[in-house]
Protein backbone atom coordinates (compact mmCIF):
# COMPACT_ATOMS: atom_id res chain seq x y z
CA MET A 1 -32.71 3.09 18.62
CA TYR A 2 -35.96 4.44 17.87
CA LYS A 3 -37.76 4.90 14.70
CA VAL A 4 -40.10 7.75 13.36
CA PHE A 5 -41.71 7.35 10.72
CA VAL A 6 -42.46 10.28 7.73
CA ASN A 7 -45.57 8.24 5.58
CA ASP A 8 -43.47 4.80 5.43
CA LYS A 9 -40.00 6.15 5.42
CA PRO A 10 -38.03 6.17 9.10
CA ILE A 11 -35.91 8.49 10.70
CA VAL A 12 -33.63 6.45 12.97
CA LEU A 13 -32.81 7.77 16.18
CA THR A 14 -29.24 6.13 16.95
CA THR A 15 -25.84 6.69 19.02
CA GLU A 16 -23.97 4.50 16.03
CA VAL A 17 -22.42 6.08 13.41
CA GLU A 18 -22.22 3.75 9.98
CA GLU A 19 -21.17 4.52 6.38
CA GLU A 20 -23.96 5.89 4.57
CA THR A 21 -25.45 3.59 1.89
CA TYR A 22 -29.38 3.85 1.37
CA PHE A 23 -29.34 6.25 4.61
CA LYS A 24 -27.90 10.06 5.50
CA ASN A 25 -26.59 10.55 8.86
CA TYR A 26 -27.42 14.01 10.27
CA ASP A 27 -26.08 15.25 13.82
CA LEU A 28 -29.24 15.07 16.29
CA LYS A 29 -28.25 18.66 18.09
CA LYS A 30 -27.68 20.40 14.64
CA VAL A 31 -30.24 18.75 12.53
CA ASP A 32 -32.62 20.86 10.34
CA LEU A 33 -35.27 18.23 10.90
CA GLY A 34 -37.50 20.30 7.84
CA LYS A 35 -34.74 19.64 5.28
CA VAL A 36 -34.63 16.07 6.50
CA ILE A 37 -38.18 15.61 5.88
CA ARG A 38 -38.44 17.33 2.85
CA LYS A 39 -35.23 14.81 1.76
CA LEU A 40 -37.27 11.88 2.57
CA ASN A 41 -40.35 12.76 1.02
CA ASN A 42 -38.80 14.26 -2.91
CA THR A 43 -35.80 11.95 -2.96
CA LYS A 44 -34.94 8.15 -3.14
CA LEU A 45 -33.38 8.29 0.32
CA LYS A 46 -34.76 5.31 2.24
CA GLU A 47 -34.13 6.36 5.76
CA ALA A 48 -32.12 9.14 7.72
CA ARG A 49 -30.53 8.86 10.65
CA LEU A 50 -30.16 11.37 13.58
CA ILE A 51 -27.01 10.71 15.54
CA HIS A 52 -26.55 11.64 19.64
CA HIS A 53 -23.81 9.86 21.76
CA LYS A 54 -26.21 9.64 24.84
CA LYS A 55 -28.94 6.52 24.07
CA GLU A 56 -30.87 8.16 27.26
CA LYS A 57 -31.30 11.79 25.23
CA LEU A 58 -32.21 10.26 21.89
CA ILE A 59 -35.66 10.58 21.95
CA LYS A 60 -35.67 13.70 24.33
CA LYS A 61 -33.96 15.51 22.42
CA PHE A 62 -35.68 14.63 19.22
CA LEU A 63 -39.07 15.50 20.87
CA LYS A 64 -38.29 19.01 21.19
CA LYS A 65 -37.51 19.70 17.55
CA LEU A 66 -41.17 19.74 16.75
CA PRO A 67 -44.67 20.20 18.37
CA ASN A 68 -46.11 16.91 19.98
CA VAL A 69 -49.60 15.65 19.79
CA VAL A 70 -50.02 12.64 22.05
CA ALA A 71 -52.16 9.89 21.33
CA GLY A 72 -53.41 6.46 22.64
CA GLY A 73 -54.57 3.39 20.85
CA GLY A 74 -55.21 -0.28 20.99
CA LYS A 75 -54.70 -3.68 19.39
CA VAL A 76 -57.63 -4.89 20.61
CA TYR A 77 -58.71 -8.49 20.74
CA ASN A 78 -61.98 -10.77 20.57
CA ASP A 79 -62.71 -13.96 22.07
CA GLU A 80 -62.00 -15.57 19.04
CA GLY A 81 -58.42 -13.75 18.92
CA ASP A 82 -59.37 -11.57 15.79
CA ILE A 83 -57.71 -8.23 15.95
CA LEU A 84 -59.75 -5.06 15.53
CA PHE A 85 -59.02 -2.79 12.55
CA ILE A 86 -60.65 0.42 10.62
CA TYR A 87 -59.99 1.66 7.55
CA ARG A 88 -59.50 5.40 6.97
CA ASN A 89 -57.65 7.37 4.00
CA ASP A 90 -57.45 4.05 1.91
CA LYS A 91 -55.43 2.29 4.79
CA TRP A 92 -55.84 -0.29 7.33
CA ASP A 93 -55.36 1.30 10.46
CA LEU A 94 -55.55 0.45 14.41
CA PRO A 95 -58.37 2.94 16.33
CA LYS A 96 -56.45 5.77 18.47
CA GLY A 97 -56.89 9.39 18.77
CA LYS A 98 -55.31 12.54 20.47
CA THR A 99 -55.74 12.85 24.91
CA GLU A 100 -58.67 15.26 26.06
CA GLY A 101 -57.68 17.43 28.79
CA ILE A 102 -56.56 15.83 31.93
CA GLU A 103 -57.50 12.12 31.14
CA SER A 104 -54.90 8.96 31.53
CA ILE A 105 -53.11 7.63 28.46
CA GLU A 106 -54.96 4.65 29.15
CA LYS A 107 -58.18 6.40 29.49
CA THR A 108 -57.70 8.22 26.48
CA ALA A 109 -56.64 4.58 24.59
CA ILE A 110 -59.89 2.94 25.69
CA ARG A 111 -62.08 6.14 25.14
CA GLU A 112 -60.76 6.25 21.67
CA VAL A 113 -61.24 2.56 20.40
CA MET A 114 -64.95 3.31 21.67
CA GLU A 115 -65.66 6.18 19.76
CA GLU A 116 -64.04 4.93 15.97
CA THR A 117 -65.26 1.50 16.23
CA GLY A 118 -68.33 1.04 18.93
CA VAL A 119 -66.99 -1.68 20.59
CA ALA A 120 -67.32 -1.80 24.26
CA GLY A 121 -66.20 -3.71 27.32
CA LEU A 122 -62.49 -3.18 26.64
CA GLU A 123 -59.80 -3.74 29.23
CA ILE A 124 -56.25 -3.29 29.01
CA THR A 125 -54.29 -6.37 29.15
CA LYS A 126 -50.62 -4.62 28.79
CA PRO A 127 -48.82 -1.89 27.26
CA LEU A 128 -47.21 -2.26 23.91
CA ASN A 129 -44.22 -0.07 22.43
CA THR A 130 -45.24 3.42 21.56
CA THR A 131 -44.89 4.42 18.00
CA TYR A 132 -43.69 8.19 16.37
CA HIS A 133 -44.76 9.51 13.33
CA ILE A 134 -44.71 13.18 11.58
CA PHE A 135 -47.73 14.62 9.80
CA LYS A 136 -48.38 18.07 8.50
CA ARG A 137 -51.05 19.87 9.66
CA ASN A 138 -52.12 23.22 8.67
CA GLY A 139 -48.85 24.02 7.12
CA ARG A 140 -46.81 22.65 10.04
CA TYR A 141 -45.08 19.52 10.75
CA LYS A 142 -45.81 17.59 14.14
CA ILE A 143 -44.58 14.63 15.78
CA LYS A 144 -47.84 12.15 17.14
CA VAL A 145 -46.44 10.04 19.85
CA THR A 146 -49.15 7.18 20.35
CA TYR A 147 -48.87 4.89 23.40
CA TRP A 148 -50.52 1.47 22.33
CA PHE A 149 -52.08 -0.43 24.33
CA GLU A 150 -53.33 -4.59 23.90
CA MET A 151 -56.53 -4.82 24.98
CA LYS A 152 -59.50 -7.70 25.29
CA THR A 153 -63.18 -7.47 25.00
CA SER A 154 -66.15 -10.05 25.03
CA PHE A 155 -68.39 -7.31 22.50
CA LYS A 156 -70.32 -9.00 20.15
CA GLY A 157 -72.23 -5.97 19.27
CA VAL A 158 -72.68 -4.01 15.94
CA LEU A 159 -69.63 -1.94 14.81
CA TYR A 160 -69.94 1.48 13.79
CA PRO A 161 -67.07 3.45 12.03
CA GLN A 162 -66.96 6.73 13.11
CA GLU A 163 -67.72 8.89 10.25
CA GLU A 164 -66.67 12.02 11.28
CA GLU A 165 -63.13 11.05 11.66
CA GLY A 166 -63.27 9.54 7.92
CA ILE A 167 -63.28 5.93 8.84
CA THR A 168 -65.39 3.98 6.59
CA GLU A 169 -64.88 0.58 7.46
CA VAL A 170 -64.32 -1.53 11.42
CA ALA A 171 -63.79 -5.25 11.08
CA TRP A 172 -62.97 -7.87 13.07
CA LEU A 173 -59.94 -9.54 11.30
CA ASN A 174 -57.92 -13.03 11.86
CA LYS A 175 -54.78 -13.87 11.22
CA LYS A 176 -54.91 -14.43 7.41
CA LYS A 177 -57.25 -11.22 6.64
CA ALA A 178 -55.07 -9.04 9.38
CA LYS A 179 -51.84 -9.98 7.33
CA LYS A 180 -53.46 -9.06 4.32
CA ALA A 181 -54.52 -5.87 5.31
CA LEU A 182 -51.12 -5.02 6.69
CA LYS A 183 -49.79 -5.05 2.93
CA ASN A 184 -52.13 -1.51 3.05
CA SER A 185 -51.30 -0.21 6.35
CA TYR A 186 -49.20 2.03 7.73
CA ALA A 187 -44.60 1.26 9.09
CA ASN A 188 -45.54 1.90 12.23
CA ILE A 189 -48.44 -0.42 12.67
CA LYS A 190 -46.43 -3.34 10.85
CA GLU A 191 -44.24 -2.47 13.63
CA LEU A 192 -47.14 -3.08 16.41
CA MET A 193 -47.63 -6.18 14.77
């Protein structure tokens, strides 16, 4: 099963057909994704489920429905166990961004964290779950596929929000503050935590 978010409402990719209650079922092969997105955005529908009989083909077939944007990002811990957050578009988020040229996704993730926050000395400790969300740019829907990595750093320097990317604040948040920040964050970031 996969979840693809449209704002904070999920499109669930699954092999199981269940009786519709707060969600609606669609055949992944035949679905008009634009209609599903509009329905999620403009009605009380809480979730859409796209059904395909082969589990191993769910994400592959879905990703062919719209153009993809590939990004890398980091859930970064410092020596005190605090997590690095950015504040952009009136929401708390984790640093991430699109790949450039032929760089590896790991290099993308490290570069984007550095550019968006000013943090250096980053080391990837392990890969995390990949997240998917749909956004609209220039009147067209796209799927952002974000590969996440847990990282660590001993960086003690000044944090610099990348203002040209709309980031207004960068902060190390302890567990209590991170929990509070997640109340004003995105569904896919909540899933990573």
